[in-house]
Amino acid sequence: MKDIKEYEAMTKLDLPEEERRLLSGRISRLMDSFSVLEKIDTSGTEPLVTVLDLKNILRDDVAKKIVTRDELLSAAPEEYDGYFQVPRTLE
């Protein structure tokens, strides 16, 4: 029952006693099912990133300078010291 009260505190709930007992049983069964998984020896097993048999499907990350700062700033309504000048938003 202690776990239920901790969960209640985390979620800011105040459950009736009957619901606490019901959830306590459910959480207990859930934790028991995880304890079975904890007993499995996974040493020597590579962690999976994906279950699909794909090898690096992404392109190489290559930095390219496409537009210069001056080209970008030439389209700005206002610029100051190499940066976009924008209206003040805070007083």
PDB file of N, CA and C in Angstrom:
ATOM      1  N   MET A   1       0.829  -1.199   0.000  1.00  0.00           N
ATOM      2  CA  MET A   1       0.000   0.000   0.000  1.00  0.00           C
ATOM      3  C   MET A   1       0.865   1.251   0.000  1.00  0.00           C
ATOM      4  N   LYS A   2       2.115   1.132   0.476  1.00  0.00           N
ATOM      5  CA  LYS A   2       3.012   2.283   0.520  1.00  0.00           C
ATOM      6  C   LYS A   2       3.251   2.832  -0.885  1.00  0.00           C
ATOM      7  N   ASP A   3       3.439   1.932  -1.868  1.00  0.00           N
ATOM      8  CA  ASP A   3       3.671   2.369  -3.248  1.00  0.00           C
ATOM      9  C   ASP A   3       2.516   3.208  -3.766  1.00  0.00           C
ATOM     10  N   ILE A   4       1.298   2.800  -3.471  1.00  0.00           N
ATOM     11  CA  ILE A   4       0.125   3.529  -3.939  1.00  0.00           C
ATOM     12  C   ILE A   4       0.145   4.963  -3.413  1.00  0.00           C
ATOM     13  N   LYS A   5       0.480   5.131  -2.161  1.00  0.00           N
ATOM     14  CA  LYS A   5       0.509   6.485  -1.587  1.00  0.00           C
ATOM     15  C   LYS A   5       1.606   7.328  -2.226  1.00  0.00           C
ATOM     16  N   GLU A   6       2.726   6.698  -2.586  1.00  0.00           N
ATOM     17  CA  GLU A   6       3.792   7.425  -3.279  1.00  0.00           C
ATOM     18  C   GLU A   6       3.310   7.853  -4.667  1.00  0.00           C
ATOM     19  N   TYR A   7       2.623   6.941  -5.366  1.00  0.00           N
ATOM     20  CA  TYR A   7       2.083   7.281  -6.691  1.00  0.00           C
ATOM     21  C   TYR A   7       1.047   8.398  -6.580  1.00  0.00           C
ATOM     22  N   GLU A   8       0.225   8.326  -5.563  1.00  0.00           N
ATOM     23  CA  GLU A   8      -0.778   9.374  -5.344  1.00  0.00           C
ATOM     24  C   GLU A   8      -0.106  10.728  -5.142  1.00  0.00           C
ATOM     25  N   ALA A   9       0.948  10.741  -4.358  1.00  0.00           N
ATOM     26  CA  ALA A   9       1.657  11.998  -4.095  1.00  0.00           C
ATOM     27  C   ALA A   9       2.279  12.546  -5.379  1.00  0.00           C
ATOM     28  N   MET A  10       2.859  11.660  -6.194  1.00  0.00           N
ATOM     29  CA  MET A  10       3.476  12.097  -7.445  1.00  0.00           C
ATOM     30  C   MET A  10       2.452  12.684  -8.405  1.00  0.00           C
ATOM     31  N   THR A  11       1.265  12.077  -8.448  1.00  0.00           N
ATOM     32  CA  THR A  11       0.246  12.494  -9.412  1.00  0.00           C
ATOM     33  C   THR A  11      -0.757  13.472  -8.823  1.00  0.00           C
ATOM     34  N   LYS A  12      -0.554  13.829  -7.562  1.00  0.00           N
ATOM     35  CA  LYS A  12      -1.433  14.784  -6.876  1.00  0.00           C
ATOM     36  C   LYS A  12      -2.891  14.295  -6.854  1.00  0.00           C
ATOM     37  N   LEU A  13      -3.056  12.987  -6.622  1.00  0.00           N
ATOM     38  CA  LEU A  13      -4.389  12.389  -6.516  1.00  0.00           C
ATOM     39  C   LEU A  13      -4.674  12.018  -5.074  1.00  0.00           C
ATOM     40  N   ASP A  14      -5.938  11.919  -4.765  1.00  0.00           N
ATOM     41  CA  ASP A  14      -6.363  11.432  -3.453  1.00  0.00           C
ATOM     42  C   ASP A  14      -7.433  10.374  -3.720  1.00  0.00           C
ATOM     43  N   LEU A  15      -7.005   9.114  -3.747  1.00  0.00           N
ATOM     44  CA  LEU A  15      -7.905   8.025  -4.114  1.00  0.00           C
ATOM     45  C   LEU A  15      -8.648   7.485  -2.900  1.00  0.00           C
ATOM     46  N   PRO A  16      -9.875   7.017  -3.133  1.00  0.00           N
ATOM     47  CA  PRO A  16     -10.588   6.321  -2.048  1.00  0.00           C
ATOM     48  C   PRO A  16      -9.873   5.006  -1.720  1.00  0.00           C
ATOM     49  N   GLU A  17     -10.051   4.527  -0.530  1.00  0.00           N
ATOM     50  CA  GLU A  17      -9.379   3.314  -0.063  1.00  0.00           C
ATOM     51  C   GLU A  17      -9.651   2.121  -0.980  1.00  0.00           C
ATOM     52  N   GLU A  18     -10.870   1.994  -1.480  1.00  0.00           N
ATOM     53  CA  GLU A  18     -11.220   0.874  -2.368  1.00  0.00           C
ATOM     54  C   GLU A  18     -10.377   0.905  -3.645  1.00  0.00           C
ATOM     55  N   GLU A  19     -10.206   2.089  -4.230  1.00  0.00           N
ATOM     56  CA  GLU A  19      -9.381   2.203  -5.443  1.00  0.00           C
ATOM     57  C   GLU A  19      -7.919   1.929  -5.138  1.00  0.00           C
ATOM     58  N   ARG A  20      -7.457   2.319  -3.965  1.00  0.00           N
ATOM     59  CA  ARG A  20      -6.078   2.035  -3.567  1.00  0.00           C
ATOM     60  C   ARG A  20      -5.824   0.530  -3.554  1.00  0.00           C
ATOM     61  N   ARG A  21      -6.763  -0.225  -2.974  1.00  0.00           N
ATOM     62  CA  ARG A  21      -6.602  -1.685  -2.916  1.00  0.00           C
ATOM     63  C   ARG A  21      -6.616  -2.281  -4.320  1.00  0.00           C
ATOM     64  N   LEU A  22      -7.514  -1.804  -5.172  1.00  0.00           N
ATOM     65  CA  LEU A  22      -7.607  -2.305  -6.538  1.00  0.00           C
ATOM     66  C   LEU A  22      -6.312  -2.025  -7.294  1.00  0.00           C
ATOM     67  N   LEU A  23      -5.839  -0.800  -7.226  1.00  0.00           N
ATOM     68  CA  LEU A  23      -4.612  -0.438  -7.934  1.00  0.00           C
ATOM     69  C   LEU A  23      -3.396  -1.128  -7.341  1.00  0.00           C
ATOM     70  N   SER A  24      -3.391  -1.330  -6.056  1.00  0.00           N
ATOM     71  CA  SER A  24      -2.280  -2.011  -5.420  1.00  0.00           C
ATOM     72  C   SER A  24      -2.112  -3.414  -5.998  1.00  0.00           C
ATOM     73  N   GLY A  25      -3.217  -4.130  -6.170  1.00  0.00           N
ATOM     74  CA  GLY A  25      -3.160  -5.462  -6.763  1.00  0.00           C
ATOM     75  C   GLY A  25      -2.673  -5.429  -8.197  1.00  0.00           C
ATOM     76  N   ARG A  26      -3.160  -4.471  -8.956  1.00  0.00           N
ATOM     77  CA  ARG A  26      -2.736  -4.351 -10.362  1.00  0.00           C
ATOM     78  C   ARG A  26      -1.252  -4.026 -10.464  1.00  0.00           C
ATOM     79  N   ILE A  27      -0.798  -3.083  -9.644  1.00  0.00           N
ATOM     80  CA  ILE A  27       0.611  -2.700  -9.685  1.00  0.00           C
ATOM     81  C   ILE A  27       1.484  -3.861  -9.234  1.00  0.00           C
ATOM     82  N   SER A  28       1.032  -4.604  -8.259  1.00  0.00           N
ATOM     83  CA  SER A  28       1.783  -5.761  -7.788  1.00  0.00           C
ATOM     84  C   SER A  28       1.951  -6.791  -8.910  1.00  0.00           C
ATOM     85  N   ARG A  29       0.873  -7.083  -9.646  1.00  0.00           N
ATOM     86  CA  ARG A  29       0.967  -8.030 -10.759  1.00  0.00           C
ATOM     87  C   ARG A  29       1.890  -7.495 -11.848  1.00  0.00           C
ATOM     88  N   LEU A  30       1.827  -6.214 -12.110  1.00  0.00           N
ATOM     89  CA  LEU A  30       2.680  -5.605 -13.129  1.00  0.00           C
ATOM     90  C   LEU A  30       4.154  -5.719 -12.725  1.00  0.00           C
ATOM     91  N   MET A  31       4.462  -5.412 -11.478  1.00  0.00           N
ATOM     92  CA  MET A  31       5.836  -5.499 -11.013  1.00  0.00           C
ATOM     93  C   MET A  31       6.332  -6.948 -11.024  1.00  0.00           C
ATOM     94  N   ASP A  32       5.458  -7.887 -10.727  1.00  0.00           N
ATOM     95  CA  ASP A  32       5.834  -9.306 -10.795  1.00  0.00           C
ATOM     96  C   ASP A  32       6.203  -9.696 -12.218  1.00  0.00           C
ATOM     97  N   SER A  33       5.472  -9.181 -13.198  1.00  0.00           N
ATOM     98  CA  SER A  33       5.786  -9.519 -14.590  1.00  0.00           C
ATOM     99  C   SER A  33       7.141  -8.945 -14.995  1.00  0.00           C
ATOM    100  N   PHE A  34       7.520  -7.787 -14.455  1.00  0.00           N
ATOM    101  CA  PHE A  34       8.828  -7.223 -14.754  1.00  0.00           C
ATOM    102  C   PHE A  34       9.934  -8.007 -14.044  1.00  0.00           C
ATOM    103  N   SER A  35       9.645  -8.566 -12.891  1.00  0.00           N
ATOM    104  CA  SER A  35      10.674  -9.326 -12.179  1.00  0.00           C
ATOM    105  C   SER A  35      11.088 -10.557 -12.982  1.00  0.00           C
ATOM    106  N   VAL A  36      10.186 -11.116 -13.766  1.00  0.00           N
ATOM    107  CA  VAL A  36      10.533 -12.245 -14.641  1.00  0.00           C
ATOM    108  C   VAL A  36      11.566 -11.782 -15.664  1.00  0.00           C
ATOM    109  N   LEU A  37      11.382 -10.584 -16.213  1.00  0.00           N
ATOM    110  CA  LEU A  37      12.322 -10.064 -17.202  1.00  0.00           C
ATOM    111  C   LEU A  37      13.690  -9.775 -16.583  1.00  0.00           C
ATOM    112  N   GLU A  38      13.696  -9.344 -15.338  1.00  0.00           N
ATOM    113  CA  GLU A  38      14.966  -9.034 -14.670  1.00  0.00           C
ATOM    114  C   GLU A  38      15.840 -10.271 -14.493  1.00  0.00           C
ATOM    115  N   LYS A  39      15.250 -11.445 -14.478  1.00  0.00           N
ATOM    116  CA  LYS A  39      15.997 -12.685 -14.267  1.00  0.00           C
ATOM    117  C   LYS A  39      16.683 -13.184 -15.538  1.00  0.00           C
ATOM    118  N   ILE A  40      16.346 -12.620 -16.691  1.00  0.00           N
ATOM    119  CA  ILE A  40      16.921 -13.061 -17.963  1.00  0.00           C
ATOM    120  C   ILE A  40      18.355 -12.561 -18.074  1.00  0.00           C
ATOM    121  N   ASP A  41      19.274 -13.460 -18.423  1.00  0.00           N
ATOM    122  CA  ASP A  41      20.681 -13.094 -18.579  1.00  0.00           C
ATOM    123  C   ASP A  41      20.864 -12.443 -19.954  1.00  0.00           C
ATOM    124  N   THR A  42      21.178 -11.167 -19.955  1.00  0.00           N
ATOM    125  CA  THR A  42      21.374 -10.442 -21.214  1.00  0.00           C
ATOM    126  C   THR A  42      22.831 -10.070 -21.434  1.00  0.00           C
ATOM    127  N   SER A  43      23.725 -10.620 -20.610  1.00  0.00           N
ATOM    128  CA  SER A  43      25.141 -10.312 -20.819  1.00  0.00           C
ATOM    129  C   SER A  43      25.576 -10.861 -22.171  1.00  0.00           C
ATOM    130  N   GLY A  44      26.346 -10.076 -22.876  1.00  0.00           N
ATOM    131  CA  GLY A  44      26.794 -10.481 -24.203  1.00  0.00           C
ATOM    132  C   GLY A  44      25.802 -10.170 -25.292  1.00  0.00           C
ATOM    133  N   THR A  45      24.700  -9.555 -24.959  1.00  0.00           N
ATOM    134  CA  THR A  45      23.693  -9.190 -25.954  1.00  0.00           C
ATOM    135  C   THR A  45      23.843  -7.711 -26.292  1.00  0.00           C
ATOM    136  N   GLU A  46      23.964  -7.418 -27.570  1.00  0.00           N
ATOM    137  CA  GLU A  46      24.083  -6.036 -28.022  1.00  0.00           C
ATOM    138  C   GLU A  46      22.736  -5.340 -27.864  1.00  0.00           C
ATOM    139  N   PRO A  47      22.734  -4.110 -27.335  1.00  0.00           N
ATOM    140  CA  PRO A  47      21.471  -3.368 -27.244  1.00  0.00           C
ATOM    141  C   PRO A  47      20.965  -2.998 -28.635  1.00  0.00           C
ATOM    142  N   LEU A  48      19.653  -3.020 -28.785  1.00  0.00           N
ATOM    143  CA  LEU A  48      19.049  -2.662 -30.068  1.00  0.00           C
ATOM    144  C   LEU A  48      18.732  -1.182 -30.107  1.00  0.00           C
ATOM    145  N   VAL A  49      18.978  -0.586 -31.254  1.00  0.00           N
ATOM    146  CA  VAL A  49      18.535   0.781 -31.482  1.00  0.00           C
ATOM    147  C   VAL A  49      17.210   0.732 -32.222  1.00  0.00           C
ATOM    148  N   THR A  50      17.084  -0.260 -33.082  1.00  0.00           N
ATOM    149  CA  THR A  50      15.855  -0.469 -33.835  1.00  0.00           C
ATOM    150  C   THR A  50      15.654  -1.962 -34.047  1.00  0.00           C
ATOM    151  N   VAL A  51      14.435  -2.371 -34.180  1.00  0.00           N
ATOM    152  CA  VAL A  51      14.164  -3.779 -34.427  1.00  0.00           C
ATOM    153  C   VAL A  51      14.266  -4.107 -35.917  1.00  0.00           C
ATOM    154  N   LEU A  52      14.348  -3.078 -36.744  1.00  0.00           N
ATOM    155  CA  LEU A  52      14.459  -3.279 -38.184  1.00  0.00           C
ATOM    156  C   LEU A  52      15.902  -3.564 -38.567  1.00  0.00           C
ATOM    157  N   ASP A  53      16.085  -4.345 -39.611  1.00  0.00           N
ATOM    158  CA  ASP A  53      17.424  -4.693 -40.071  1.00  0.00           C
ATOM    159  C   ASP A  53      17.911  -3.625 -41.052  1.00  0.00           C
ATOM    160  N   LEU A  54      18.177  -2.436 -40.528  1.00  0.00           N
ATOM    161  CA  LEU A  54      18.623  -1.326 -41.366  1.00  0.00           C
ATOM    162  C   LEU A  54      20.001  -0.875 -40.914  1.00  0.00           C
ATOM    163  N   LYS A  55      20.812  -0.547 -41.861  1.00  0.00           N
ATOM    164  CA  LYS A  55      22.123   0.012 -41.570  1.00  0.00           C
ATOM    165  C   LYS A  55      22.110   1.458 -42.030  1.00  0.00           C
ATOM    166  N   ASN A  56      22.597   2.358 -41.245  1.00  0.00           N
ATOM    167  CA  ASN A  56      22.690   3.780 -41.527  1.00  0.00           C
ATOM    168  C   ASN A  56      21.912   4.218 -42.767  1.00  0.00           C
ATOM    169  N   ILE A  57      20.646   4.467 -42.579  1.00  0.00           N
ATOM    170  CA  ILE A  57      19.804   4.874 -43.705  1.00  0.00           C
ATOM    171  C   ILE A  57      19.859   6.381 -43.924  1.00  0.00           C
ATOM    172  N   LEU A  58      20.583   7.082 -43.051  1.00  0.00           N
ATOM    173  CA  LEU A  58      20.675   8.523 -43.164  1.00  0.00           C
ATOM    174  C   LEU A  58      21.919   8.911 -43.952  1.00  0.00           C
ATOM    175  N   ARG A  59      21.853  10.045 -44.589  1.00  0.00           N
ATOM    176  CA  ARG A  59      23.015  10.531 -45.330  1.00  0.00           C
ATOM    177  C   ARG A  59      24.073  11.003 -44.349  1.00  0.00           C
ATOM    178  N   ASP A  60      25.289  11.131 -44.833  1.00  0.00           N
ATOM    179  CA  ASP A  60      26.347  11.678 -43.991  1.00  0.00           C
ATOM    180  C   ASP A  60      26.022  13.122 -43.656  1.00  0.00           C
ATOM    181  N   ASP A  61      26.324  13.504 -42.434  1.00  0.00           N
ATOM    182  CA  ASP A  61      26.075  14.863 -41.986  1.00  0.00           C
ATOM    183  C   ASP A  61      27.258  15.729 -42.386  1.00  0.00           C
ATOM    184  N   VAL A  62      27.089  16.467 -43.473  1.00  0.00           N
ATOM    185  CA  VAL A  62      28.157  17.302 -43.995  1.00  0.00           C
ATOM    186  C   VAL A  62      27.697  18.750 -43.929  1.00  0.00           C
ATOM    187  N   ALA A  63      28.493  19.582 -43.269  1.00  0.00           N
ATOM    188  CA  ALA A  63      28.147  20.998 -43.164  1.00  0.00           C
ATOM    189  C   ALA A  63      28.416  21.685 -44.494  1.00  0.00           C
ATOM    190  N   LYS A  64      27.433  22.433 -44.960  1.00  0.00           N
ATOM    191  CA  LYS A  64      27.581  23.179 -46.207  1.00  0.00           C
ATOM    192  C   LYS A  64      27.139  24.604 -45.955  1.00  0.00           C
ATOM    193  N   LYS A  65      27.908  25.554 -46.418  1.00  0.00           N
ATOM    194  CA  LYS A  65      27.524  26.945 -46.298  1.00  0.00           C
ATOM    195  C   LYS A  65      26.841  27.323 -47.607  1.00  0.00           C
ATOM    196  N   ILE A  66      25.541  27.476 -47.538  1.00  0.00           N
ATOM    197  CA  ILE A  66      24.762  27.725 -48.743  1.00  0.00           C
ATOM    198  C   ILE A  66      24.549  29.226 -48.960  1.00  0.00           C
ATOM    199  N   VAL A  67      24.209  29.933 -47.886  1.00  0.00           N
ATOM    200  CA  VAL A  67      23.927  31.364 -47.982  1.00  0.00           C
ATOM    201  C   VAL A  67      24.842  32.092 -47.013  1.00  0.00           C
ATOM    202  N   THR A  68      25.425  33.178 -47.458  1.00  0.00           N
ATOM    203  CA  THR A  68      26.306  33.941 -46.580  1.00  0.00           C
ATOM    204  C   THR A  68      25.483  34.842 -45.665  1.00  0.00           C
ATOM    205  N   ARG A  69      26.122  35.298 -44.624  1.00  0.00           N
ATOM    206  CA  ARG A  69      25.468  36.215 -43.683  1.00  0.00           C
ATOM    207  C   ARG A  69      25.023  37.484 -44.398  1.00  0.00           C
ATOM    208  N   ASP A  70      25.887  38.014 -45.258  1.00  0.00           N
ATOM    209  CA  ASP A  70      25.550  39.249 -45.973  1.00  0.00           C
ATOM    210  C   ASP A  70      24.339  39.058 -46.879  1.00  0.00           C
ATOM    211  N   GLU A  71      24.249  37.883 -47.518  1.00  0.00           N
ATOM    212  CA  GLU A  71      23.082  37.610 -48.372  1.00  0.00           C
ATOM    213  C   GLU A  71      21.805  37.561 -47.540  1.00  0.00           C
ATOM    214  N   LEU A  72      21.868  36.935 -46.388  1.00  0.00           N
ATOM    215  CA  LEU A  72      20.690  36.874 -45.522  1.00  0.00           C
ATOM    216  C   LEU A  72      20.301  38.263 -45.029  1.00  0.00           C
ATOM    217  N   LEU A  73      21.279  39.024 -44.576  1.00  0.00           N
ATOM    218  CA  LEU A  73      20.982  40.345 -44.029  1.00  0.00           C
ATOM    219  C   LEU A  73      20.528  41.334 -45.087  1.00  0.00           C
ATOM    220  N   SER A  74      20.871  41.068 -46.341  1.00  0.00           N
ATOM    221  CA  SER A  74      20.434  41.976 -47.405  1.00  0.00           C
ATOM    222  C   SER A  74      18.916  41.957 -47.560  1.00  0.00           C
ATOM    223  N   ALA A  75      18.258  40.880 -47.132  1.00  0.00           N
ATOM    224  CA  ALA A  75      16.797  40.780 -47.234  1.00  0.00           C
ATOM    225  C   ALA A  75      16.102  41.276 -45.967  1.00  0.00           C
ATOM    226  N   ALA A  76      16.871  41.621 -44.950  1.00  0.00           N
ATOM    227  CA  ALA A  76      16.275  42.063 -43.679  1.00  0.00           C
ATOM    228  C   ALA A  76      15.818  43.515 -43.778  1.00  0.00           C
ATOM    229  N   PRO A  77      14.661  43.836 -43.194  1.00  0.00           N
ATOM    230  CA  PRO A  77      14.221  45.229 -43.198  1.00  0.00           C
ATOM    231  C   PRO A  77      15.213  46.128 -42.465  1.00  0.00           C
ATOM    232  N   GLU A  78      15.775  45.627 -41.367  1.00  0.00           N
ATOM    233  CA  GLU A  78      16.789  46.376 -40.624  1.00  0.00           C
ATOM    234  C   GLU A  78      17.832  45.408 -40.092  1.00  0.00           C
ATOM    235  N   GLU A  79      19.088  45.893 -40.035  1.00  0.00           N
ATOM    236  CA  GLU A  79      20.149  45.091 -39.431  1.00  0.00           C
ATOM    237  C   GLU A  79      21.041  46.003 -38.633  1.00  0.00           C
ATOM    238  N   TYR A  80      21.670  45.405 -37.596  1.00  0.00           N
ATOM    239  CA  TYR A  80      22.556  46.181 -36.749  1.00  0.00           C
ATOM    240  C   TYR A  80      23.749  45.318 -36.378  1.00  0.00           C
ATOM    241  N   ASP A  81      24.912  45.760 -36.709  1.00  0.00           N
ATOM    242  CA  ASP A  81      26.155  45.099 -36.322  1.00  0.00           C
ATOM    243  C   ASP A  81      26.199  43.635 -36.774  1.00  0.00           C
ATOM    244  N   GLY A  82      25.673  43.353 -37.942  1.00  0.00           N
ATOM    245  CA  GLY A  82      25.711  41.998 -38.500  1.00  0.00           C
ATOM    246  C   GLY A  82      24.603  41.078 -38.027  1.00  0.00           C
ATOM    247  N   TYR A  83      23.579  41.635 -37.356  1.00  0.00           N
ATOM    248  CA  TYR A  83      22.453  40.842 -36.860  1.00  0.00           C
ATOM    249  C   TYR A  83      21.143  41.452 -37.324  1.00  0.00           C
ATOM    250  N   PHE A  84      20.088  40.650 -37.349  1.00  0.00           N
ATOM    251  CA  PHE A  84      18.755  41.168 -37.643  1.00  0.00           C
ATOM    252  C   PHE A  84      18.343  42.134 -36.537  1.00  0.00           C
ATOM    253  N   GLN A  85      17.798  43.268 -36.905  1.00  0.00           N
ATOM    254  CA  GLN A  85      17.272  44.213 -35.942  1.00  0.00           C
ATOM    255  C   GLN A  85      15.755  44.000 -35.890  1.00  0.00           C
ATOM    256  N   VAL A  86      15.240  43.728 -34.690  1.00  0.00           N
ATOM    257  CA  VAL A  86      13.802  43.474 -34.534  1.00  0.00           C
ATOM    258  C   VAL A  86      13.230  44.458 -33.537  1.00  0.00           C
ATOM    259  N   PRO A  87      11.936  44.705 -33.617  1.00  0.00           N
ATOM    260  CA  PRO A  87      11.317  45.620 -32.648  1.00  0.00           C
ATOM    261  C   PRO A  87      11.445  45.076 -31.218  1.00  0.00           C
ATOM    262  N   ARG A  88      11.566  45.969 -30.281  1.00  0.00           N
ATOM    263  CA  ARG A  88      11.650  45.593 -28.874  1.00  0.00           C
ATOM    264  C   ARG A  88      10.322  44.979 -28.441  1.00  0.00           C
ATOM    265  N   THR A  89      10.381  43.867 -27.726  1.00  0.00           N
ATOM    266  CA  THR A  89       9.143  43.196 -27.305  1.00  0.00           C
ATOM    267  C   THR A  89       8.893  43.323 -25.814  1.00  0.00           C
ATOM    268  N   LEU A  90       9.914  43.615 -25.040  1.00  0.00           N
ATOM    269  CA  LEU A  90       9.756  43.772 -23.599  1.00  0.00           C
ATOM    270  C   LEU A  90      10.046  45.208 -23.210  1.00  0.00           C
ATOM    271  N   GLU A  91       9.303  45.709 -22.273  1.00  0.00           N
ATOM    272  CA  GLU A  91       9.513  47.083 -21.798  1.00  0.00           C
ATOM    273  C   GLU A  91      10.333  47.075 -20.545  1.00  0.00           C
TER     274      GLU A  91
END
